[in-house]
């Protein structure tokens, strides 16, 4: 069988594709200096970044292995924002796809009977978000919408900062753990060096950073400890709060053993770093 020779324009297209920013962005960076150079070259700046640029930011598989050696505080913060922002943005986007599905199925449910595919999708989402799917009714759709919603960018950033030490913690570097989530299966986690003798937990490790962010958001959206957070989030959509993020932060005391002290720390991180600026991105 003969094949027609490839035209020069096709070669140009392939070369352009191979060296496009998006494909280059998919690769990891072994050191923070190369990452800094990449961001500078592509004019990525967290203070001025647009939604279009946010879509073009690289999704890193892991943090640079020498990230804990970066001593310049301002540069460390800048790089961490640019690492975390696309991960948070992508995870929120995946949640919104589920939310859109629920809203569309509910609209159909209010008019007529659901078909088999719609019933299966509703059951799947109910299981995914840990709800009783034995009966499909308006209460189930209400509960689904309360659970399936985005985490404010400023809040997700603040918790990543606190839990990972700006991406420089051992758990973040060795286990892609940006949020310090616990596991009681030591094979699936990293044992803290200063763990008390009567404790048996480990910090859960992940195959990549994206999994860590997705697991954190799923935890906030499903665990009973954050029920009040989800209620306030739902109300905030209908009532024009002056500061909706602060209203939600107050219900995250259960995330850490230190309780209210943890809430105070989050609020300080948000305020002192002006993280609410990152809530400007629309969803």
Protein backbone atom coordinates (compact mmCIF):
# COMPACT_ATOMS: atom_id res chain seq x y z
CA UNK A 1 0.00 0.00 0.00
CA UNK A 2 1.33 3.42 -0.96
CA UNK A 3 0.95 6.51 1.17
CA UNK A 4 0.94 10.04 -0.16
CA UNK A 5 4.04 12.00 0.86
CA UNK A 6 3.50 14.44 3.70
CA UNK A 7 3.36 18.05 2.66
CA UNK A 8 5.74 20.64 4.14
CA UNK A 9 2.83 22.46 5.79
CA UNK A 10 2.01 19.29 7.72
CA UNK A 11 5.55 19.13 9.11
CA UNK A 12 5.27 22.77 10.18
CA UNK A 13 1.98 21.99 11.92
CA UNK A 14 3.48 19.02 13.79
CA UNK A 15 6.53 21.03 14.88
CA UNK A 16 4.29 23.84 16.08
CA UNK A 17 2.21 21.36 18.06
CA UNK A 18 5.24 19.72 19.65
CA UNK A 19 6.65 23.03 20.82
CA UNK A 20 3.41 24.71 21.77
CA UNK A 21 3.22 26.25 25.27
CA UNK A 22 0.46 23.87 26.30
CA UNK A 23 2.51 20.73 25.62
CA UNK A 24 5.59 22.23 27.21
CA UNK A 25 3.44 23.12 30.18
CA UNK A 26 2.54 19.48 30.67
CA UNK A 27 6.08 18.52 31.63
CA UNK A 28 7.43 18.60 35.17
CA UNK A 29 10.21 20.79 36.47
CA UNK A 30 12.98 19.18 38.50
CA UNK A 31 14.11 22.43 40.12
CA UNK A 32 12.45 25.67 41.10
CA UNK A 33 14.82 27.81 39.02
CA UNK A 34 13.69 26.21 35.76
CA UNK A 35 10.10 26.74 36.85
CA UNK A 36 10.77 30.41 37.58
CA UNK A 37 12.36 30.83 34.15
CA UNK A 38 9.38 29.17 32.47
CA UNK A 39 6.89 31.45 34.23
CA UNK A 40 8.94 34.55 33.38
CA UNK A 41 9.30 33.54 29.75
CA UNK A 42 5.54 33.12 29.41
CA UNK A 43 4.76 36.27 31.44
CA UNK A 44 2.79 34.42 34.13
CA UNK A 45 2.34 36.66 37.16
CA UNK A 46 -0.18 35.81 39.92
CA UNK A 47 -0.98 39.49 40.50
CA UNK A 48 -2.06 40.14 36.93
CA UNK A 49 -2.94 36.71 35.59
CA UNK A 50 -6.13 36.53 33.52
CA UNK A 51 -8.61 33.69 33.21
CA UNK A 52 -7.21 32.88 29.77
CA UNK A 53 -3.69 32.64 31.19
CA UNK A 54 -5.02 30.53 34.04
CA UNK A 55 -6.13 27.95 31.49
CA UNK A 56 -2.63 27.98 29.98
CA UNK A 57 -0.73 27.53 33.24
CA UNK A 58 1.02 24.16 33.57
CA UNK A 59 -0.54 21.46 35.72
CA UNK A 60 2.49 20.15 37.57
CA UNK A 61 2.65 16.46 38.43
CA UNK A 62 4.81 17.18 41.49
CA UNK A 63 6.59 20.08 43.12
CA UNK A 64 10.22 20.68 42.12
CA UNK A 65 12.31 18.42 44.36
CA UNK A 66 14.38 21.34 45.62
CA UNK A 67 11.42 23.62 46.36
CA UNK A 68 12.17 23.52 50.09
CA UNK A 69 15.55 25.12 49.37
CA UNK A 70 13.97 28.28 47.97
CA UNK A 71 14.62 30.97 50.60
CA UNK A 72 13.35 34.12 48.87
CA UNK A 73 9.94 34.57 50.51
CA UNK A 74 8.34 36.70 47.79
CA UNK A 75 9.53 34.37 45.03
CA UNK A 76 8.42 31.30 46.98
CA UNK A 77 4.92 32.77 47.33
CA UNK A 78 4.75 33.75 43.67
CA UNK A 79 5.78 30.31 42.45
CA UNK A 80 3.44 28.54 44.87
CA UNK A 81 0.47 30.61 43.68
CA UNK A 82 1.25 29.75 40.07
CA UNK A 83 1.60 26.05 40.94
CA UNK A 84 -1.58 25.85 43.03
CA UNK A 85 -3.93 28.09 41.03
CA UNK A 86 -4.33 25.85 37.94
CA UNK A 87 -4.76 22.78 40.18
CA UNK A 88 -7.56 24.48 42.13
CA UNK A 89 -9.09 25.87 38.94
CA UNK A 90 -9.13 22.46 37.27
CA UNK A 91 -10.60 20.69 40.29
CA UNK A 92 -13.33 23.30 40.68
CA UNK A 93 -14.07 22.92 36.98
CA UNK A 94 -14.59 19.18 37.38
CA UNK A 95 -16.97 19.80 40.26
CA UNK A 96 -18.96 22.24 38.16
CA UNK A 97 -19.40 19.62 35.44
CA UNK A 98 -21.04 17.34 38.03
CA UNK A 99 -23.13 20.25 39.32
CA UNK A 100 -24.32 21.15 35.84
CA UNK A 101 -25.34 17.53 35.29
CA UNK A 102 -27.39 17.50 38.51
CA UNK A 103 -29.11 20.79 37.69
CA UNK A 104 -30.04 19.63 34.19
CA UNK A 105 -31.39 16.28 35.42
CA UNK A 106 -33.40 18.01 38.15
CA UNK A 107 -35.00 20.30 35.54
CA UNK A 108 -36.06 17.22 33.59
CA UNK A 109 -37.27 15.53 36.80
CA UNK A 110 -39.61 18.46 37.50
CA UNK A 111 -41.26 18.05 34.08
CA UNK A 112 -41.34 14.34 33.32
CA UNK A 113 -39.95 10.93 34.21
CA UNK A 114 -36.21 10.42 33.92
CA UNK A 115 -34.87 7.94 31.40
CA UNK A 116 -32.56 5.08 32.36
CA UNK A 117 -29.36 7.00 31.67
CA UNK A 118 -30.51 9.94 33.79
CA UNK A 119 -31.47 7.64 36.65
CA UNK A 120 -28.09 5.91 36.51
CA UNK A 121 -26.26 9.23 36.42
CA UNK A 122 -28.20 10.48 39.44
CA UNK A 123 -27.39 7.28 41.34
CA UNK A 124 -23.72 7.56 40.36
CA UNK A 125 -23.43 11.14 41.59
CA UNK A 126 -25.29 10.34 44.81
CA UNK A 127 -22.81 7.54 45.55
CA UNK A 128 -19.85 9.69 44.57
CA UNK A 129 -20.93 12.43 46.98
CA UNK A 130 -21.93 9.95 49.70
CA UNK A 131 -25.70 10.41 49.72
CA UNK A 132 -28.52 7.89 50.05
CA UNK A 133 -29.77 7.13 46.54
CA UNK A 134 -32.51 4.68 47.51
CA UNK A 135 -35.12 7.22 46.43
CA UNK A 136 -34.73 9.89 43.76
CA UNK A 137 -36.71 12.93 44.84
CA UNK A 138 -36.39 16.70 45.25
CA UNK A 139 -34.62 16.30 48.59
CA UNK A 140 -31.88 14.26 46.92
CA UNK A 141 -31.38 16.92 44.26
CA UNK A 142 -31.26 19.62 46.93
CA UNK A 143 -28.67 17.66 48.90
CA UNK A 144 -26.64 16.99 45.76
CA UNK A 145 -26.54 20.68 44.87
CA UNK A 146 -25.49 21.54 48.41
CA UNK A 147 -22.56 19.12 48.21
CA UNK A 148 -21.54 19.59 44.59
CA UNK A 149 -20.14 23.09 44.52
CA UNK A 150 -16.81 24.86 44.22
CA UNK A 151 -14.41 25.74 47.01
CA UNK A 152 -13.48 29.47 46.96
CA UNK A 153 -10.03 29.89 45.43
CA UNK A 154 -8.82 32.06 48.31
CA UNK A 155 -9.84 29.42 50.83
CA UNK A 156 -8.32 26.50 48.88
CA UNK A 157 -5.10 28.48 48.54
CA UNK A 158 -5.02 29.40 52.23
CA UNK A 159 -5.46 25.80 53.35
CA UNK A 160 -2.78 24.61 50.93
CA UNK A 161 -0.42 27.26 52.31
CA UNK A 162 -1.07 26.28 55.93
CA UNK A 163 -1.03 22.52 55.39
CA UNK A 164 1.99 22.35 53.06
CA UNK A 165 4.07 25.25 54.37
CA UNK A 166 3.94 27.01 51.00
CA UNK A 167 4.74 23.69 49.28
CA UNK A 168 7.94 23.13 51.26
CA UNK A 169 6.78 20.47 53.71
CA UNK A 170 8.11 16.93 53.60
CA UNK A 171 4.61 15.63 52.91
CA UNK A 172 4.15 17.95 49.93
CA UNK A 173 7.53 17.13 48.40
CA UNK A 174 7.53 13.37 49.04
CA UNK A 175 3.83 12.59 48.82
CA UNK A 176 2.23 15.37 46.72
CA UNK A 177 0.17 16.15 49.83
CA UNK A 178 -0.87 19.80 49.72
CA UNK A 179 -3.60 19.49 52.35
CA UNK A 180 -2.23 17.20 55.07
CA UNK A 181 -5.10 14.72 54.91
CA UNK A 182 -4.81 11.80 57.31
CA UNK A 183 -5.01 8.09 56.63
CA UNK A 184 -4.84 5.20 59.07
CA UNK A 185 -3.29 2.93 56.47
CA UNK A 186 0.43 3.56 56.84
CA UNK A 187 1.09 1.97 53.45
CA UNK A 188 -0.88 4.83 51.85
CA UNK A 189 0.77 7.63 53.75
CA UNK A 190 3.88 9.18 55.27
CA UNK A 191 4.35 8.80 59.02
CA UNK A 192 4.99 12.16 60.74
CA UNK A 193 8.38 12.25 62.44
CA UNK A 194 6.95 13.80 65.61
CA UNK A 195 3.85 11.58 65.83
CA UNK A 196 2.81 10.83 69.42
CA UNK A 197 3.23 7.24 70.59
CA UNK A 198 -0.51 6.83 71.06
CA UNK A 199 -1.28 7.97 67.50
CA UNK A 200 -1.54 5.72 64.44
CA UNK A 201 -2.22 8.13 61.60
CA UNK A 202 -0.10 8.97 58.57
CA UNK A 203 -0.36 11.83 56.10
CA UNK A 204 -1.95 10.50 52.94
CA UNK A 205 0.26 10.50 49.84
CA UNK A 206 -0.90 10.91 46.25
CA UNK A 207 0.36 9.98 42.81
CA UNK A 208 0.24 13.63 41.77
CA UNK A 209 -0.72 17.09 43.01
CA UNK A 210 -4.06 17.11 41.19
CA UNK A 211 -5.24 14.06 43.14
CA UNK A 212 -4.39 15.84 46.38
CA UNK A 213 -6.51 18.88 45.47
CA UNK A 214 -9.40 16.73 44.27
CA UNK A 215 -9.36 14.66 47.47
CA UNK A 216 -9.33 17.81 49.62
CA UNK A 217 -12.33 19.31 47.81
CA UNK A 218 -14.20 16.01 47.94
CA UNK A 219 -13.56 15.84 51.68
CA UNK A 220 -14.93 19.36 52.25
CA UNK A 221 -17.93 18.59 50.05
CA UNK A 222 -18.88 15.26 51.65
CA UNK A 223 -17.62 14.90 55.25
CA UNK A 224 -20.21 15.47 57.98
CA UNK A 225 -17.78 17.74 59.86
CA UNK A 226 -18.19 20.37 57.14
CA UNK A 227 -21.99 20.32 56.91
CA UNK A 228 -22.27 23.87 58.29
CA UNK A 229 -19.69 25.08 55.77
CA UNK A 230 -21.82 23.70 52.93
CA UNK A 231 -25.00 25.25 54.33
CA UNK A 232 -23.37 28.68 54.57
CA UNK A 233 -22.01 28.26 51.04
CA UNK A 234 -25.52 27.53 49.75
CA UNK A 235 -26.97 30.53 51.59
CA UNK A 236 -24.17 32.78 50.35
CA UNK A 237 -25.29 32.07 46.78
CA UNK A 238 -28.67 33.63 47.55
CA UNK A 239 -27.77 36.31 50.09
CA UNK A 240 -25.28 39.04 49.24
CA UNK A 241 -22.75 38.64 52.03
CA UNK A 242 -20.24 41.45 52.46
CA UNK A 243 -17.54 38.83 53.02
CA UNK A 244 -18.78 35.32 52.09
CA UNK A 245 -15.32 33.73 52.40
CA UNK A 246 -14.96 34.73 56.05
CA UNK A 247 -18.43 33.33 56.74
CA UNK A 248 -17.31 29.96 55.36
CA UNK A 249 -13.87 29.87 56.99
CA UNK A 250 -15.44 29.89 60.45
CA UNK A 251 -16.87 26.42 59.84
CA UNK A 252 -13.54 24.72 59.07
CA UNK A 253 -12.33 24.31 62.65
CA UNK A 254 -12.76 20.54 62.32
CA UNK A 255 -10.07 20.37 59.64
CA UNK A 256 -7.28 20.43 62.23
CA UNK A 257 -6.83 19.32 65.82
CA UNK A 258 -6.19 22.90 66.93
CA UNK A 259 -9.78 23.91 66.09
CA UNK A 260 -10.46 27.64 66.40
CA UNK A 261 -6.74 28.37 66.28
CA UNK A 262 -6.75 26.84 62.81
CA UNK A 263 -9.58 29.14 61.72
CA UNK A 264 -7.67 32.15 63.06
CA UNK A 265 -4.59 31.05 61.13
CA UNK A 266 -6.56 30.71 57.89
CA UNK A 267 -8.11 34.14 58.29
CA UNK A 268 -4.68 35.66 58.94
CA UNK A 269 -3.21 33.97 55.85
CA UNK A 270 -6.10 35.19 53.68
CA UNK A 271 -5.88 38.75 55.00
CA UNK A 272 -2.10 39.17 55.10
CA UNK A 273 -1.63 37.77 51.58
CA UNK A 274 -4.71 39.41 50.06
CA UNK A 275 -5.88 36.02 48.77
CA UNK A 276 -9.39 37.28 48.04
CA UNK A 277 -7.92 38.79 44.88
CA UNK A 278 -7.88 35.25 43.47
CA UNK A 279 -11.66 34.96 43.87
CA UNK A 280 -11.94 37.23 40.84
CA UNK A 281 -12.02 34.24 38.51
CA UNK A 282 -15.54 33.39 37.43
CA UNK A 283 -17.04 29.89 37.49
